[in-house]
Amino acid sequence: MPILPRIMPDESQFVPEWPYVVGAPIALLCLIALLVLWFRRRSILDLFLMVVLCAYLIEIPPHYYPSPARFSTGWYAVRVTSLISSSIVLVVLLYEITALYRGLLDAVLREGRERDARLMTGDAVAATVAHEMRQPLTAMVTTADAGFRFLDRSVPNLDRAKEAFRRIAADGHRAGAVVESIRMNLRIDARNWTSLDVDELIRGALDLERRDLKKHQILVHIEPHGQLPEVRANQVQLQQVILNLIMNAVDAMMSTDGPRILSVRSEPYEGDLVMVSVADTGSGISDQNVDRLFNPLFTTKSDGMGMGLSICRAIIEAHNGRLWFAPNIPRGAVFQFTLHTNNSLSAGT
């Protein structure tokens, strides 16, 4: 069109003003885009776009050096370098995308295995409790009814009533023995222990509960120590403890109206020990329930089984550690447990 500036006097040559009319505006736009991506980059794709823009900026000067003309050495060099740079970027981008999807697949599979392990553990405990506890509990109820009938007569049969109460006590002890046998079944074989990073276990447990934490609008504060020595433990069981404590904290904060904050902290403790703390801002634990908190079959939840904290304490004690409760100030609860590091275990052996 006649109103546009003439940039090519013939089929191969560019006008002397070509670098200023065409090259400079393109270079300026590339620089602006590069600066925007630099300050607002959010993904790996933005990084590759920056690489492409840098390659394009490098390709602009050869268009008119040593002379602004088509089919010159610089013109062909630009085409070759453009092909090479775009191929490299494409290959690297494909590699990164493949690695990203591979990591995503591994995370999904790992999450599935962890959830399956949790479900299997819960189902096994529920089935064991339902099967083993039904008989002694039924016997206790039946014997108690009989004892009341012996006492409700016009002439109470005290001997038969005493015998019924003795049977109730015996069935109660048998129920306690059943719970203890469940605890023994959950004890860990030391041959399955491996060296573990506590902070990595915490991050993995929080990743598994990320959906529930987001659903209930719970703010998570992670305070990893960063330089803790590794502990020797069973990974699945230890992560089950952390998951159980996190889920209990989520349940405790679901009914609260104030700020919902979950704090998970790891730190050295008394020499060669590592301590993990899980704190919440929920309803807390009443004073009358503190002493029974870790008892089997005791629960403050309407739909709870009363086995979670008992199993957690059994697992931690099987690792020669300790699990306890403390109130969180100004409100909520803090559950803390300790584990021996590899250094302390090596010194002990």
Protein backbone atom coordinates (compact mmCIF):
# COMPACT_ATOMS: atom_id res chain seq x y z
CA MET A 1 0.00 0.00 0.00
CA PRO A 2 1.31 3.49 -0.82
CA ILE A 3 0.81 4.83 2.70
CA LEU A 4 3.12 2.21 4.27
CA PRO A 5 6.90 2.85 4.36
CA ARG A 6 8.95 1.05 1.74
CA ILE A 7 11.34 -1.44 3.42
CA MET A 8 12.55 -3.41 0.38
CA PRO A 9 13.75 -1.65 -2.79
CA ASP A 10 14.02 -5.02 -4.59
CA GLU A 11 13.46 -8.72 -3.93
CA SER A 12 16.58 -9.24 -1.80
CA GLN A 13 17.72 -5.93 -0.32
CA PHE A 14 16.29 -4.09 2.71
CA VAL A 15 16.29 -0.34 3.01
CA PRO A 16 18.84 1.18 5.46
CA GLU A 17 15.98 2.21 7.72
CA TRP A 18 14.83 -1.44 8.11
CA PRO A 19 16.50 -1.95 11.54
CA TYR A 20 14.64 1.08 12.93
CA VAL A 21 11.29 0.54 11.19
CA VAL A 22 10.98 -3.24 11.71
CA GLY A 23 13.76 -4.56 13.95
CA ALA A 24 13.57 -2.00 16.76
CA PRO A 25 9.78 -2.27 17.37
CA ILE A 26 9.98 -6.06 17.41
CA ALA A 27 12.93 -5.99 19.81
CA LEU A 28 11.10 -3.51 22.05
CA LEU A 29 8.00 -5.71 22.20
CA CYS A 30 10.15 -8.73 23.02
CA LEU A 31 11.89 -6.83 25.83
CA ILE A 32 8.56 -5.70 27.30
CA ALA A 33 7.19 -9.25 27.17
CA LEU A 34 10.42 -10.56 28.73
CA LEU A 35 10.19 -8.09 31.62
CA VAL A 36 6.52 -8.92 32.23
CA LEU A 37 7.30 -12.64 32.33
CA TRP A 38 10.29 -12.06 34.60
CA PHE A 39 8.28 -10.26 37.26
CA ARG A 40 5.08 -12.31 36.92
CA ARG A 41 6.32 -15.81 36.10
CA ARG A 42 4.18 -18.46 37.74
CA SER A 43 4.85 -21.69 35.91
CA ILE A 44 7.47 -23.61 33.97
CA LEU A 45 5.75 -22.52 30.75
CA ASP A 46 6.55 -18.86 31.55
CA LEU A 47 10.20 -19.80 31.91
CA PHE A 48 10.27 -21.43 28.48
CA LEU A 49 8.55 -18.40 26.96
CA MET A 50 11.36 -16.28 28.36
CA VAL A 51 13.90 -18.60 26.73
CA VAL A 52 12.11 -18.26 23.39
CA LEU A 53 12.04 -14.47 23.66
CA CYS A 54 15.76 -14.35 24.47
CA ALA A 55 16.49 -16.55 21.43
CA TYR A 56 14.34 -14.29 19.26
CA LEU A 57 16.17 -11.19 20.47
CA ILE A 58 19.47 -12.81 19.54
CA GLU A 59 18.13 -13.61 16.06
CA ILE A 60 17.09 -10.03 15.17
CA PRO A 61 20.55 -8.42 14.56
CA PRO A 62 21.78 -11.03 11.99
CA HIS A 63 18.91 -9.99 9.70
CA TYR A 64 20.75 -6.78 8.77
CA TYR A 65 24.40 -7.56 9.61
CA PRO A 66 26.73 -7.45 7.77
CA SER A 67 24.18 -6.11 5.24
CA PRO A 68 20.36 -5.82 5.43
CA ALA A 69 19.48 -8.33 2.71
CA ARG A 70 17.61 -11.58 2.17
CA PHE A 71 19.48 -14.82 1.38
CA SER A 72 22.64 -13.47 3.01
CA THR A 73 24.85 -15.30 5.48
CA GLY A 74 23.10 -13.66 8.41
CA TRP A 75 19.68 -14.42 6.94
CA TYR A 76 20.48 -18.14 6.66
CA ALA A 77 22.18 -18.14 10.08
CA VAL A 78 18.96 -16.82 11.63
CA ARG A 79 16.96 -19.68 10.09
CA VAL A 80 19.40 -22.30 11.32
CA THR A 81 19.65 -20.91 14.85
CA SER A 82 15.86 -20.52 14.98
CA LEU A 83 15.40 -24.17 14.07
CA ILE A 84 17.99 -25.29 16.61
CA SER A 85 16.68 -23.12 19.45
CA SER A 86 13.04 -24.04 18.85
CA SER A 87 13.97 -27.73 18.70
CA ILE A 88 15.90 -27.50 21.97
CA VAL A 89 13.04 -25.68 23.68
CA LEU A 90 10.53 -28.20 22.35
CA VAL A 91 12.60 -31.17 23.54
CA VAL A 92 13.18 -29.66 26.98
CA LEU A 93 9.51 -28.70 27.27
CA LEU A 94 8.43 -32.23 26.38
CA TYR A 95 10.90 -33.62 28.91
CA GLU A 96 9.63 -31.32 31.66
CA ILE A 97 6.00 -32.09 30.87
CA THR A 98 6.76 -35.82 30.96
CA ALA A 99 8.57 -35.44 34.28
CA LEU A 100 5.70 -33.36 35.64
CA TYR A 101 3.10 -35.95 34.69
CA ARG A 102 5.34 -38.73 35.99
CA GLY A 103 5.60 -36.94 39.34
CA LEU A 104 1.85 -36.33 39.35
CA LEU A 105 1.19 -40.00 38.65
CA ASP A 106 3.57 -41.05 41.42
CA ALA A 107 1.83 -38.66 43.82
CA VAL A 108 -1.61 -40.00 42.90
CA LEU A 109 -0.45 -43.60 43.27
CA ARG A 110 1.26 -42.82 46.57
CA GLU A 111 -1.85 -41.09 47.86
CA GLY A 112 -3.92 -44.07 46.81
CA ARG A 113 -1.60 -46.46 48.62
CA GLU A 114 -1.67 -44.32 51.75
CA ARG A 115 -5.44 -44.10 51.74
CA ASP A 116 -5.74 -47.83 51.09
CA ALA A 117 -3.40 -48.46 54.01
CA ARG A 118 -5.52 -46.21 56.22
CA LEU A 119 -8.73 -47.93 55.15
CA MET A 120 -7.20 -51.37 55.62
CA THR A 121 -5.96 -50.44 59.08
CA GLY A 122 -9.32 -48.98 60.07
CA ASP A 123 -11.26 -51.92 58.63
CA ALA A 124 -8.99 -54.42 60.35
CA VAL A 125 -9.36 -52.69 63.71
CA ALA A 126 -13.12 -52.30 63.30
CA ALA A 127 -13.57 -55.92 62.29
CA THR A 128 -11.38 -57.13 65.15
CA VAL A 129 -13.17 -55.01 67.73
CA ALA A 130 -16.64 -55.94 66.42
CA HIS A 131 -15.83 -59.66 66.36
CA GLU A 132 -13.82 -60.01 69.56
CA MET A 133 -15.75 -57.57 71.76
CA ARG A 134 -19.26 -58.69 70.90
CA GLN A 135 -19.14 -61.84 73.01
CA PRO A 136 -17.82 -60.37 76.29
CA LEU A 137 -20.07 -57.32 76.01
CA THR A 138 -23.12 -59.47 75.33
CA ALA A 139 -22.22 -61.68 78.29
CA MET A 140 -21.81 -58.63 80.53
CA VAL A 141 -25.25 -57.26 79.56
CA THR A 142 -26.95 -60.63 80.01
CA THR A 143 -25.29 -61.27 83.37
CA ALA A 144 -26.12 -57.74 84.57
CA ASP A 145 -29.81 -58.28 83.71
CA ALA A 146 -29.75 -61.55 85.62
CA GLY A 147 -28.10 -59.88 88.60
CA PHE A 148 -30.80 -57.20 88.69
CA ARG A 149 -33.48 -59.88 88.62
CA PHE A 150 -31.85 -61.66 91.57
CA LEU A 151 -31.88 -58.40 93.53
CA ASP A 152 -35.40 -57.41 92.46
CA ARG A 153 -37.07 -60.40 94.14
CA SER A 154 -39.08 -60.10 97.34
CA VAL A 155 -36.25 -62.01 98.99
CA PRO A 156 -33.10 -61.00 97.09
CA ASN A 157 -30.78 -63.85 96.22
CA LEU A 158 -27.55 -62.18 97.22
CA ASP A 159 -25.34 -65.16 96.47
CA ARG A 160 -26.55 -65.42 92.88
CA ALA A 161 -26.30 -61.65 92.47
CA LYS A 162 -22.71 -61.67 93.73
CA GLU A 163 -21.89 -64.48 91.32
CA ALA A 164 -23.40 -62.44 88.46
CA PHE A 165 -21.31 -59.41 89.37
CA ARG A 166 -18.19 -61.58 89.55
CA ARG A 167 -18.94 -62.79 86.04
CA ILE A 168 -19.38 -59.20 84.89
CA ALA A 169 -15.98 -58.30 86.33
CA ALA A 170 -14.41 -61.33 84.66
CA ASP A 171 -15.97 -60.41 81.30
CA GLY A 172 -14.72 -56.85 81.73
CA HIS A 173 -11.18 -58.11 82.28
CA ARG A 174 -11.57 -60.36 79.24
CA ALA A 175 -12.64 -57.35 77.15
CA GLY A 176 -9.56 -55.49 78.34
CA ALA A 177 -7.41 -58.46 77.37
CA VAL A 178 -8.98 -58.42 73.90
CA VAL A 179 -8.09 -54.74 73.47
CA GLU A 180 -4.55 -55.44 74.64
CA SER A 181 -4.26 -58.26 72.12
CA ILE A 182 -5.28 -55.81 69.38
CA ARG A 183 -2.54 -53.48 70.59
CA MET A 184 -0.02 -56.32 70.46
CA ASN A 185 -1.06 -57.18 66.91
CA LEU A 186 -0.31 -53.60 65.89
CA ARG A 187 3.19 -53.64 67.31
CA ILE A 188 5.86 -53.13 64.72
CA ASP A 189 8.59 -55.54 63.68
CA ALA A 190 11.88 -53.67 63.94
CA ARG A 191 13.07 -55.41 60.79
CA ASN A 192 10.67 -53.24 58.80
CA TRP A 193 12.11 -50.00 60.15
CA THR A 194 13.91 -47.61 57.81
CA SER A 195 15.62 -44.24 58.15
CA LEU A 196 13.02 -41.51 57.71
CA ASP A 197 12.96 -37.72 57.43
CA VAL A 198 10.32 -36.49 59.92
CA ASP A 199 9.72 -33.23 58.04
CA GLU A 200 9.11 -35.15 54.82
CA LEU A 201 6.60 -37.41 56.59
CA ILE A 202 4.77 -34.35 57.91
CA ARG A 203 4.59 -32.78 54.46
CA GLY A 204 3.33 -36.05 52.99
CA ALA A 205 0.60 -36.35 55.63
CA LEU A 206 -0.52 -32.76 55.06
CA ASP A 207 -0.62 -33.38 51.31
CA LEU A 208 -2.94 -36.33 51.88
CA GLU A 209 -5.27 -34.18 53.99
CA ARG A 210 -4.98 -31.11 51.76
CA ARG A 211 -8.53 -31.49 50.43
CA ASP A 212 -10.15 -31.70 53.87
CA LEU A 213 -8.06 -28.82 55.18
CA LYS A 214 -9.13 -26.64 52.27
CA LYS A 215 -12.76 -27.77 52.54
CA HIS A 216 -12.99 -26.72 56.19
CA GLN A 217 -10.98 -23.50 55.61
CA ILE A 218 -8.21 -24.47 58.00
CA LEU A 219 -5.02 -22.43 57.93
CA VAL A 220 -1.92 -24.64 58.15
CA HIS A 221 1.28 -23.47 59.83
CA ILE A 222 4.24 -25.77 59.20
CA GLU A 223 7.33 -25.23 61.33
CA PRO A 224 9.93 -27.73 60.11
CA HIS A 225 13.28 -27.65 61.84
CA GLY A 226 15.15 -28.32 58.61
CA GLN A 227 18.24 -29.88 60.18
CA LEU A 228 16.80 -32.72 62.21
CA PRO A 229 18.59 -36.08 62.13
CA GLU A 230 16.65 -38.96 60.62
CA VAL A 231 14.66 -41.36 62.78
CA ARG A 232 14.40 -45.11 62.35
CA ALA A 233 10.78 -46.23 62.18
CA ASN A 234 8.10 -47.95 60.14
CA GLN A 235 7.03 -45.40 57.54
CA VAL A 236 3.41 -46.52 57.09
CA GLN A 237 2.66 -46.78 60.79
CA LEU A 238 4.41 -43.52 61.67
CA GLN A 239 2.57 -41.65 58.96
CA GLN A 240 -0.66 -43.19 60.26
CA VAL A 241 0.05 -41.57 63.62
CA ILE A 242 0.59 -38.14 62.06
CA LEU A 243 -2.50 -38.54 59.86
CA ASN A 244 -4.65 -39.56 62.82
CA LEU A 245 -3.53 -36.58 64.87
CA ILE A 246 -4.18 -34.22 61.95
CA MET A 247 -7.63 -35.69 61.33
CA ASN A 248 -8.49 -35.40 65.02
CA ALA A 249 -7.44 -31.74 64.89
CA VAL A 250 -9.63 -31.16 61.83
CA ASP A 251 -12.62 -32.79 63.56
CA ALA A 252 -12.04 -30.66 66.66
CA MET A 253 -12.07 -27.43 64.63
CA MET A 254 -15.07 -28.24 62.41
CA SER A 255 -17.59 -27.02 65.00
CA THR A 256 -15.69 -23.87 66.01
CA ASP A 257 -16.54 -20.38 64.77
CA GLY A 258 -13.20 -18.73 65.47
CA PRO A 259 -9.95 -18.95 63.52
CA ARG A 260 -9.12 -22.50 62.46
CA ILE A 261 -5.36 -22.93 62.64
CA LEU A 262 -3.46 -26.20 62.43
CA SER A 263 0.19 -25.99 63.51
CA VAL A 264 2.60 -28.86 62.90
CA ARG A 265 6.09 -28.50 64.31
CA SER A 266 9.24 -30.63 64.53
CA GLU A 267 12.21 -29.91 66.77
CA PRO A 268 15.01 -31.57 68.76
CA TYR A 269 14.02 -32.75 72.22
CA GLU A 270 16.14 -33.75 75.21
CA GLY A 271 19.34 -34.96 73.62
CA ASP A 272 18.97 -37.47 70.81
CA LEU A 273 15.17 -37.29 70.55
CA VAL A 274 12.95 -35.65 67.96
CA MET A 275 9.58 -34.19 68.96
CA VAL A 276 6.60 -33.62 66.66
CA SER A 277 3.73 -31.37 67.79
CA VAL A 278 0.25 -31.14 66.24
CA ALA A 279 -1.73 -28.20 67.63
CA ASP A 280 -5.25 -27.01 66.80
CA THR A 281 -7.60 -24.22 67.83
CA GLY A 282 -10.62 -26.47 68.30
CA SER A 283 -12.84 -27.17 71.26
CA GLY A 284 -10.04 -28.78 73.27
CA ILE A 285 -10.27 -31.60 75.82
CA SER A 286 -12.25 -31.21 79.03
CA ASP A 287 -10.47 -31.87 82.33
CA GLN A 288 -12.58 -34.91 83.17
CA ASN A 289 -11.59 -36.59 79.90
CA VAL A 290 -7.84 -36.00 80.03
CA ASP A 291 -7.06 -39.11 82.09
CA ARG A 292 -9.17 -41.34 79.80
CA LEU A 293 -8.03 -39.79 76.52
CA PHE A 294 -5.78 -42.68 75.48
CA ASN A 295 -7.93 -45.45 76.90
CA PRO A 296 -9.18 -48.01 74.36
CA LEU A 297 -12.80 -47.50 73.27
CA PHE A 298 -12.99 -44.04 74.85
CA THR A 299 -14.03 -41.29 72.44
CA THR A 300 -15.49 -37.80 72.52
CA LYS A 301 -16.89 -38.14 68.98
CA SER A 302 -20.46 -39.20 68.32
CA ASP A 303 -19.35 -41.56 65.56
CA GLY A 304 -15.90 -42.46 66.91
CA MET A 305 -14.63 -45.93 67.79
CA GLY A 306 -12.25 -44.84 70.53
CA MET A 307 -9.31 -46.70 69.02
CA GLY A 308 -7.39 -43.99 67.15
CA LEU A 309 -5.39 -42.42 69.99
CA SER A 310 -4.91 -45.78 71.68
CA ILE A 311 -3.42 -47.23 68.50
CA CYS A 312 -1.27 -44.11 68.01
CA ARG A 313 0.16 -44.44 71.51
CA ALA A 314 0.80 -48.17 70.95
CA ILE A 315 2.70 -47.41 67.74
CA ILE A 316 4.79 -44.66 69.32
CA GLU A 317 5.57 -46.79 72.37
CA ALA A 318 6.57 -49.66 70.05
CA HIS A 319 9.13 -47.22 68.62
CA ASN A 320 10.39 -46.55 72.17
CA GLY A 321 8.82 -43.09 72.08
CA ARG A 322 6.13 -41.28 74.05
CA LEU A 323 2.82 -39.65 73.07
CA TRP A 324 1.03 -37.15 75.31
CA PHE A 325 -1.52 -34.35 75.35
CA ALA A 326 -1.29 -30.73 76.45
CA PRO A 327 -3.81 -27.87 76.27
CA ASN A 328 -3.23 -25.24 73.61
CA ILE A 329 -3.30 -21.65 74.85
CA PRO A 330 -5.71 -19.85 74.52
CA ARG A 331 -7.82 -22.74 73.19
CA GLY A 332 -7.48 -26.09 71.52
CA ALA A 333 -5.25 -29.10 72.05
CA VAL A 334 -1.64 -30.07 71.37
CA PHE A 335 -0.57 -33.67 70.83
CA GLN A 336 3.16 -34.32 70.99
CA PHE A 337 5.24 -37.42 70.49
CA THR A 338 8.94 -38.20 70.59
CA LEU A 339 11.09 -40.58 68.57
CA HIS A 340 14.68 -41.73 68.86
CA THR A 341 17.09 -40.62 66.16
CA ASN A 342 19.47 -42.91 64.31
CA ASN A 343 22.32 -41.52 66.41
CA SER A 344 20.70 -42.53 69.70
CA LEU A 345 19.82 -45.99 68.38
CA SER A 346 23.35 -46.51 67.15
CA ALA A 347 24.75 -45.45 70.52
CA GLY A 348 22.32 -47.79 72.27
CA THR A 349 23.45 -50.76 70.24
